[in-house]
Amino acid sequence: MILVGGYLVLAVIVLVFLAIGAIVAVQAAWRGYGFVVWIVAATLGNPVFLLILLGVLPDRKRRRQRAAELADIRSRVAARPRRVAAPTRPPDAPRDVSRSVGDGETNLPDRSIGDEETRG
């Protein structure tokens, strides 16, 4: 009778560890890692440390999603016809360098903002 009770206590302890490990394993599965590997690791190790480790590790599920999106974007860009802008002047035409924007006259206003009275 004591032997059966001992196995019962051991089974309850193992189930508690598995339940705590399942929390870590579910988080790992949501991030794209294997459920079984993480539940074994969390059951045999420190689940708090493994949750911190999961927070530091890259998210595999999102990495695969980003790679698929990047491949889709690259295929769309490759399929799109390439448009070249028409030149505004012939390439051999001489440039007009006699005036620039800085050569224009400076036009001052009649009054400065500082000339107006301050209203309180």
N, C-alpha and C. Protein backbone atom coordinates (compact mmCIF):
# COMPACT_ATOMS: atom_id res chain seq x y z
N MET A 1 0.81 -1.19 0.00
CA MET A 1 0.00 0.00 0.00
C MET A 1 0.86 1.26 0.00
N ILE A 2 1.96 1.25 0.73
CA ILE A 2 2.85 2.41 0.79
C ILE A 2 3.53 2.60 -0.57
N LEU A 3 3.84 1.50 -1.23
CA LEU A 3 4.51 1.57 -2.52
C LEU A 3 3.60 2.21 -3.56
N VAL A 4 2.33 1.87 -3.54
CA VAL A 4 1.38 2.46 -4.47
C VAL A 4 1.22 3.95 -4.17
N GLY A 5 1.16 4.31 -2.91
CA GLY A 5 1.05 5.71 -2.53
C GLY A 5 2.29 6.51 -2.92
N GLY A 6 3.45 5.89 -2.85
CA GLY A 6 4.70 6.54 -3.25
C GLY A 6 4.70 6.84 -4.75
N TYR A 7 4.19 5.90 -5.53
CA TYR A 7 4.10 6.15 -6.97
C TYR A 7 3.08 7.23 -7.30
N LEU A 8 2.04 7.29 -6.48
CA LEU A 8 1.02 8.32 -6.68
C LEU A 8 1.59 9.71 -6.42
N VAL A 9 2.36 9.84 -5.36
CA VAL A 9 3.00 11.13 -5.05
C VAL A 9 3.98 11.50 -6.15
N LEU A 10 4.75 10.52 -6.61
CA LEU A 10 5.71 10.76 -7.69
C LEU A 10 4.99 11.18 -8.97
N ALA A 11 3.87 10.53 -9.26
CA ALA A 11 3.11 10.87 -10.45
C ALA A 11 2.54 12.29 -10.35
N VAL A 12 2.08 12.69 -9.18
CA VAL A 12 1.56 14.05 -8.99
C VAL A 12 2.68 15.07 -9.17
N ILE A 13 3.85 14.79 -8.63
CA ILE A 13 4.99 15.71 -8.77
C ILE A 13 5.39 15.84 -10.24
N VAL A 14 5.44 14.72 -10.95
CA VAL A 14 5.79 14.76 -12.37
C VAL A 14 4.74 15.54 -13.16
N LEU A 15 3.47 15.35 -12.85
CA LEU A 15 2.41 16.09 -13.54
C LEU A 15 2.50 17.59 -13.28
N VAL A 16 2.86 17.98 -12.06
CA VAL A 16 3.03 19.40 -11.74
C VAL A 16 4.19 19.98 -12.55
N PHE A 17 5.30 19.25 -12.62
CA PHE A 17 6.44 19.72 -13.42
C PHE A 17 6.08 19.78 -14.90
N LEU A 18 5.32 18.81 -15.38
CA LEU A 18 4.89 18.85 -16.78
C LEU A 18 3.95 20.01 -17.06
N ALA A 19 3.09 20.33 -16.10
CA ALA A 19 2.17 21.47 -16.29
C ALA A 19 2.94 22.77 -16.35
N ILE A 20 3.93 22.93 -15.49
CA ILE A 20 4.76 24.14 -15.52
C ILE A 20 5.59 24.16 -16.80
N GLY A 21 6.11 23.01 -17.19
CA GLY A 21 6.88 22.93 -18.43
C GLY A 21 6.03 23.19 -19.66
N ALA A 22 4.75 22.87 -19.58
CA ALA A 22 3.86 23.11 -20.72
C ALA A 22 3.71 24.59 -21.01
N ILE A 23 3.77 25.41 -19.99
CA ILE A 23 3.70 26.87 -20.19
C ILE A 23 4.87 27.33 -21.06
N VAL A 24 6.04 26.86 -20.73
CA VAL A 24 7.23 27.22 -21.51
C VAL A 24 7.13 26.63 -22.91
N ALA A 25 6.69 25.39 -23.01
CA ALA A 25 6.62 24.72 -24.31
C ALA A 25 5.60 25.39 -25.24
N VAL A 26 4.50 25.85 -24.69
CA VAL A 26 3.50 26.55 -25.51
C VAL A 26 4.07 27.87 -26.02
N GLN A 27 4.78 28.59 -25.16
CA GLN A 27 5.42 29.83 -25.61
C GLN A 27 6.44 29.55 -26.71
N ALA A 28 7.19 28.47 -26.56
CA ALA A 28 8.17 28.11 -27.58
C ALA A 28 7.49 27.72 -28.88
N ALA A 29 6.39 27.01 -28.80
CA ALA A 29 5.67 26.61 -30.01
C ALA A 29 5.10 27.83 -30.73
N TRP A 30 4.63 28.82 -29.99
CA TRP A 30 4.13 30.05 -30.61
C TRP A 30 5.23 30.79 -31.34
N ARG A 31 6.47 30.61 -30.89
CA ARG A 31 7.61 31.27 -31.52
C ARG A 31 8.26 30.42 -32.60
N GLY A 32 7.72 29.25 -32.87
CA GLY A 32 8.22 28.43 -33.96
C GLY A 32 9.22 27.35 -33.56
N TYR A 33 9.37 27.10 -32.28
CA TYR A 33 10.29 26.06 -31.81
C TYR A 33 9.50 24.78 -31.51
N GLY A 34 10.20 23.68 -31.36
CA GLY A 34 9.56 22.38 -31.14
C GLY A 34 8.96 22.27 -29.73
N PHE A 35 7.72 21.81 -29.66
CA PHE A 35 7.00 21.70 -28.39
C PHE A 35 7.62 20.63 -27.50
N VAL A 36 7.91 19.47 -28.06
CA VAL A 36 8.39 18.34 -27.26
C VAL A 36 9.75 18.64 -26.64
N VAL A 37 10.64 19.23 -27.42
CA VAL A 37 11.98 19.53 -26.91
C VAL A 37 11.89 20.51 -25.74
N TRP A 38 11.06 21.51 -25.87
CA TRP A 38 10.97 22.52 -24.82
C TRP A 38 10.22 22.03 -23.59
N ILE A 39 9.26 21.13 -23.75
CA ILE A 39 8.59 20.61 -22.56
C ILE A 39 9.52 19.69 -21.77
N VAL A 40 10.36 18.95 -22.48
CA VAL A 40 11.35 18.11 -21.79
C VAL A 40 12.37 19.00 -21.08
N ALA A 41 12.85 20.04 -21.78
CA ALA A 41 13.84 20.94 -21.17
C ALA A 41 13.25 21.67 -19.96
N ALA A 42 12.00 22.12 -20.06
CA ALA A 42 11.39 22.84 -18.94
C ALA A 42 11.07 21.91 -17.78
N THR A 43 10.76 20.66 -18.06
CA THR A 43 10.48 19.70 -16.99
C THR A 43 11.76 19.35 -16.24
N LEU A 44 12.86 19.21 -16.97
CA LEU A 44 14.13 18.81 -16.35
C LEU A 44 14.95 19.99 -15.86
N GLY A 45 14.65 21.19 -16.35
CA GLY A 45 15.47 22.35 -15.99
C GLY A 45 14.66 23.41 -15.27
N ASN A 46 15.15 24.63 -15.36
CA ASN A 46 14.52 25.76 -14.69
C ASN A 46 13.60 26.48 -15.68
N PRO A 47 12.29 26.39 -15.51
CA PRO A 47 11.38 26.99 -16.47
C PRO A 47 11.46 28.52 -16.53
N VAL A 48 11.79 29.16 -15.42
CA VAL A 48 11.91 30.62 -15.42
C VAL A 48 13.08 31.04 -16.30
N PHE A 49 14.21 30.35 -16.17
CA PHE A 49 15.36 30.64 -17.01
C PHE A 49 15.03 30.40 -18.49
N LEU A 50 14.29 29.35 -18.77
CA LEU A 50 13.95 29.05 -20.16
C LEU A 50 12.98 30.08 -20.74
N LEU A 51 12.09 30.64 -19.92
CA LEU A 51 11.23 31.72 -20.41
C LEU A 51 12.05 32.96 -20.75
N ILE A 52 13.04 33.26 -19.93
CA ILE A 52 13.94 34.38 -20.23
C ILE A 52 14.72 34.09 -21.50
N LEU A 53 15.18 32.86 -21.63
CA LEU A 53 15.91 32.46 -22.84
C LEU A 53 15.03 32.58 -24.08
N LEU A 54 13.78 32.21 -23.97
CA LEU A 54 12.85 32.36 -25.10
C LEU A 54 12.67 33.82 -25.48
N GLY A 55 12.68 34.69 -24.50
CA GLY A 55 12.55 36.11 -24.79
C GLY A 55 13.75 36.67 -25.54
N VAL A 56 14.91 36.07 -25.34
CA VAL A 56 16.13 36.54 -25.99
C VAL A 56 16.30 35.92 -27.38
N LEU A 57 15.85 34.69 -27.54
CA LEU A 57 16.01 34.00 -28.82
C LEU A 57 15.16 34.64 -29.91
N PRO A 58 15.62 34.56 -31.16
CA PRO A 58 14.81 35.12 -32.26
C PRO A 58 13.53 34.30 -32.49
N ASP A 59 12.54 34.97 -32.98
CA ASP A 59 11.24 34.36 -33.23
C ASP A 59 11.30 33.66 -34.61
N ARG A 60 11.41 32.34 -34.61
CA ARG A 60 11.55 31.59 -35.86
C ARG A 60 10.33 31.73 -36.77
N LYS A 61 9.15 31.76 -36.16
CA LYS A 61 7.93 31.85 -36.94
C LYS A 61 7.89 33.17 -37.72
N ARG A 62 8.24 34.26 -37.06
CA ARG A 62 8.26 35.56 -37.73
C ARG A 62 9.40 35.64 -38.74
N ARG A 63 10.52 35.00 -38.45
CA ARG A 63 11.64 35.03 -39.40
C ARG A 63 11.25 34.33 -40.70
N ARG A 64 10.54 33.20 -40.60
CA ARG A 64 10.06 32.52 -41.81
C ARG A 64 9.04 33.37 -42.54
N GLN A 65 8.18 34.05 -41.79
CA GLN A 65 7.17 34.91 -42.40
C GLN A 65 7.84 36.08 -43.12
N ARG A 66 8.86 36.67 -42.52
CA ARG A 66 9.58 37.77 -43.17
C ARG A 66 10.29 37.30 -44.43
N ALA A 67 10.87 36.11 -44.40
CA ALA A 67 11.55 35.58 -45.58
C ALA A 67 10.55 35.35 -46.72
N ALA A 68 9.37 34.85 -46.39
CA ALA A 68 8.35 34.63 -47.42
C ALA A 68 7.86 35.96 -47.99
N GLU A 69 7.67 36.95 -47.14
CA GLU A 69 7.25 38.27 -47.62
C GLU A 69 8.32 38.91 -48.50
N LEU A 70 9.59 38.76 -48.11
CA LEU A 70 10.67 39.32 -48.90
C LEU A 70 10.75 38.65 -50.26
N ALA A 71 10.57 37.34 -50.31
CA ALA A 71 10.56 36.63 -51.60
C ALA A 71 9.40 37.10 -52.46
N ASP A 72 8.24 37.32 -51.85
CA ASP A 72 7.08 37.83 -52.59
C ASP A 72 7.35 39.23 -53.15
N ILE A 73 7.93 40.09 -52.34
CA ILE A 73 8.23 41.45 -52.80
C ILE A 73 9.25 41.42 -53.94
N ARG A 74 10.28 40.59 -53.79
CA ARG A 74 11.30 40.51 -54.86
C ARG A 74 10.71 39.96 -56.15
N SER A 75 9.80 39.00 -56.06
CA SER A 75 9.19 38.47 -57.28
C SER A 75 8.29 39.51 -57.93
N ARG A 76 7.60 40.31 -57.12
CA ARG A 76 6.76 41.37 -57.69
C ARG A 76 7.61 42.46 -58.36
N VAL A 77 8.72 42.80 -57.74
CA VAL A 77 9.61 43.81 -58.33
C VAL A 77 10.22 43.30 -59.62
N ALA A 78 10.60 42.03 -59.66
CA ALA A 78 11.19 41.46 -60.86
C ALA A 78 10.17 41.39 -62.00
N ALA A 79 8.90 41.17 -61.67
CA ALA A 79 7.87 41.05 -62.70
C ALA A 79 7.40 42.42 -63.20
N ARG A 80 7.65 43.44 -62.45
CA ARG A 80 7.20 44.79 -62.82
C ARG A 80 8.08 45.34 -63.94
N PRO A 81 7.47 45.97 -64.96
CA PRO A 81 8.29 46.53 -66.04
C PRO A 81 9.13 47.69 -65.52
N ARG A 82 10.34 47.75 -66.00
CA ARG A 82 11.25 48.78 -65.55
C ARG A 82 11.03 50.04 -66.36
N ARG A 83 10.82 51.15 -65.66
CA ARG A 83 10.60 52.43 -66.34
C ARG A 83 11.83 53.30 -66.14
N VAL A 84 12.27 53.89 -67.24
CA VAL A 84 13.41 54.78 -67.19
C VAL A 84 12.92 56.20 -67.45
N ALA A 85 13.34 57.13 -66.64
CA ALA A 85 12.91 58.51 -66.81
C ALA A 85 13.54 59.10 -68.06
N ALA A 86 12.74 59.86 -68.80
CA ALA A 86 13.25 60.52 -69.99
C ALA A 86 14.18 61.66 -69.60
N PRO A 87 15.27 61.83 -70.30
CA PRO A 87 16.17 62.93 -69.96
C PRO A 87 15.52 64.28 -70.26
N THR A 88 15.76 65.26 -69.41
CA THR A 88 15.18 66.59 -69.60
C THR A 88 15.92 67.39 -70.65
N ARG A 89 17.17 67.08 -70.89
CA ARG A 89 17.96 67.75 -71.93
C ARG A 89 18.86 66.71 -72.56
N PRO A 90 19.27 66.95 -73.74
CA PRO A 90 20.20 66.00 -74.35
C PRO A 90 21.49 65.94 -73.53
N PRO A 91 22.12 64.79 -73.46
CA PRO A 91 23.30 64.65 -72.61
C PRO A 91 24.47 65.53 -73.04
N ASP A 92 24.54 65.87 -74.32
CA ASP A 92 25.67 66.66 -74.80
C ASP A 92 25.38 68.15 -74.82
N ALA A 93 24.19 68.58 -74.40
CA ALA A 93 23.84 70.00 -74.44
C ALA A 93 24.63 70.76 -73.39
N PRO A 94 25.07 71.97 -73.72
CA PRO A 94 25.82 72.76 -72.72
C PRO A 94 24.89 73.25 -71.61
N ARG A 95 25.41 73.36 -70.44
CA ARG A 95 24.64 73.83 -69.29
C ARG A 95 24.76 75.34 -69.17
N ASP A 96 23.68 75.97 -68.69
CA ASP A 96 23.69 77.40 -68.45
C ASP A 96 24.20 77.62 -67.02
N VAL A 97 25.45 78.03 -66.91
CA VAL A 97 26.06 78.22 -65.59
C VAL A 97 26.31 79.69 -65.30
N SER A 98 25.67 80.59 -66.07
CA SER A 98 25.93 82.01 -65.86
C SER A 98 25.27 82.52 -64.58
N ARG A 99 24.14 81.94 -64.17
CA ARG A 99 23.46 82.39 -62.95
C ARG A 99 23.09 81.18 -62.09
N SER A 100 23.06 81.39 -60.82
CA SER A 100 22.59 80.36 -59.90
C SER A 100 21.53 80.98 -59.01
N VAL A 101 20.93 80.19 -58.17
CA VAL A 101 19.88 80.68 -57.28
C VAL A 101 20.45 81.72 -56.32
N GLY A 102 21.66 81.55 -55.91
CA GLY A 102 22.28 82.49 -54.97
C GLY A 102 22.62 83.83 -55.59
N ASP A 103 22.60 83.92 -56.93
CA ASP A 103 22.93 85.17 -57.60
C ASP A 103 21.77 86.15 -57.64
N GLY A 104 20.57 85.72 -57.27
CA GLY A 104 19.41 86.61 -57.34
C GLY A 104 19.48 87.72 -56.31
N GLU A 105 18.73 88.80 -56.56
CA GLU A 105 18.71 89.93 -55.63
C GLU A 105 17.93 89.56 -54.38
N THR A 106 18.33 90.17 -53.29
CA THR A 106 17.62 89.99 -52.03
C THR A 106 16.60 91.09 -51.92
N ASN A 107 15.32 90.74 -51.75
CA ASN A 107 14.25 91.72 -51.61
C ASN A 107 13.85 91.77 -50.14
N LEU A 108 14.07 92.94 -49.53
CA LEU A 108 13.73 93.10 -48.13
C LEU A 108 12.30 93.59 -48.00
N PRO A 109 11.57 93.19 -46.96
CA PRO A 109 10.22 93.72 -46.76
C PRO A 109 10.28 95.18 -46.30
N ASP A 110 9.13 95.87 -46.40
CA ASP A 110 9.08 97.27 -45.98
C ASP A 110 9.29 97.41 -44.49
N ARG A 111 8.69 96.51 -43.72
CA ARG A 111 8.80 96.58 -42.27
C ARG A 111 9.28 95.24 -41.73
N SER A 112 9.94 95.28 -40.61
CA SER A 112 10.39 94.07 -39.94
C SER A 112 9.34 93.66 -38.91
N ILE A 113 9.31 92.41 -38.56
CA ILE A 113 8.39 91.94 -37.54
C ILE A 113 8.71 92.61 -36.21
N GLY A 114 9.96 92.91 -35.99
CA GLY A 114 10.37 93.56 -34.75
C GLY A 114 9.91 95.00 -34.64
N ASP A 115 9.48 95.59 -35.76
CA ASP A 115 9.00 96.98 -35.74
C ASP A 115 7.62 97.10 -35.13
N GLU A 116 6.84 96.02 -35.10
CA GLU A 116 5.48 96.09 -34.58
C GLU A 116 5.49 96.07 -33.06
N GLU A 117 4.52 96.73 -32.48
CA GLU A 117 4.43 96.79 -31.02
C GLU A 117 4.02 95.41 -30.47
N THR A 118 4.50 95.14 -29.30
CA THR A 118 4.12 93.91 -28.62
C THR A 118 2.81 94.15 -27.88
N ARG A 119 1.88 93.26 -28.10
CA ARG A 119 0.57 93.40 -27.46
C ARG A 119 0.50 92.40 -26.31
N GLY A 120 0.10 92.86 -25.17
CA GLY A 120 0.10 92.01 -23.99
C GLY A 120 -1.17 91.54 -23.58
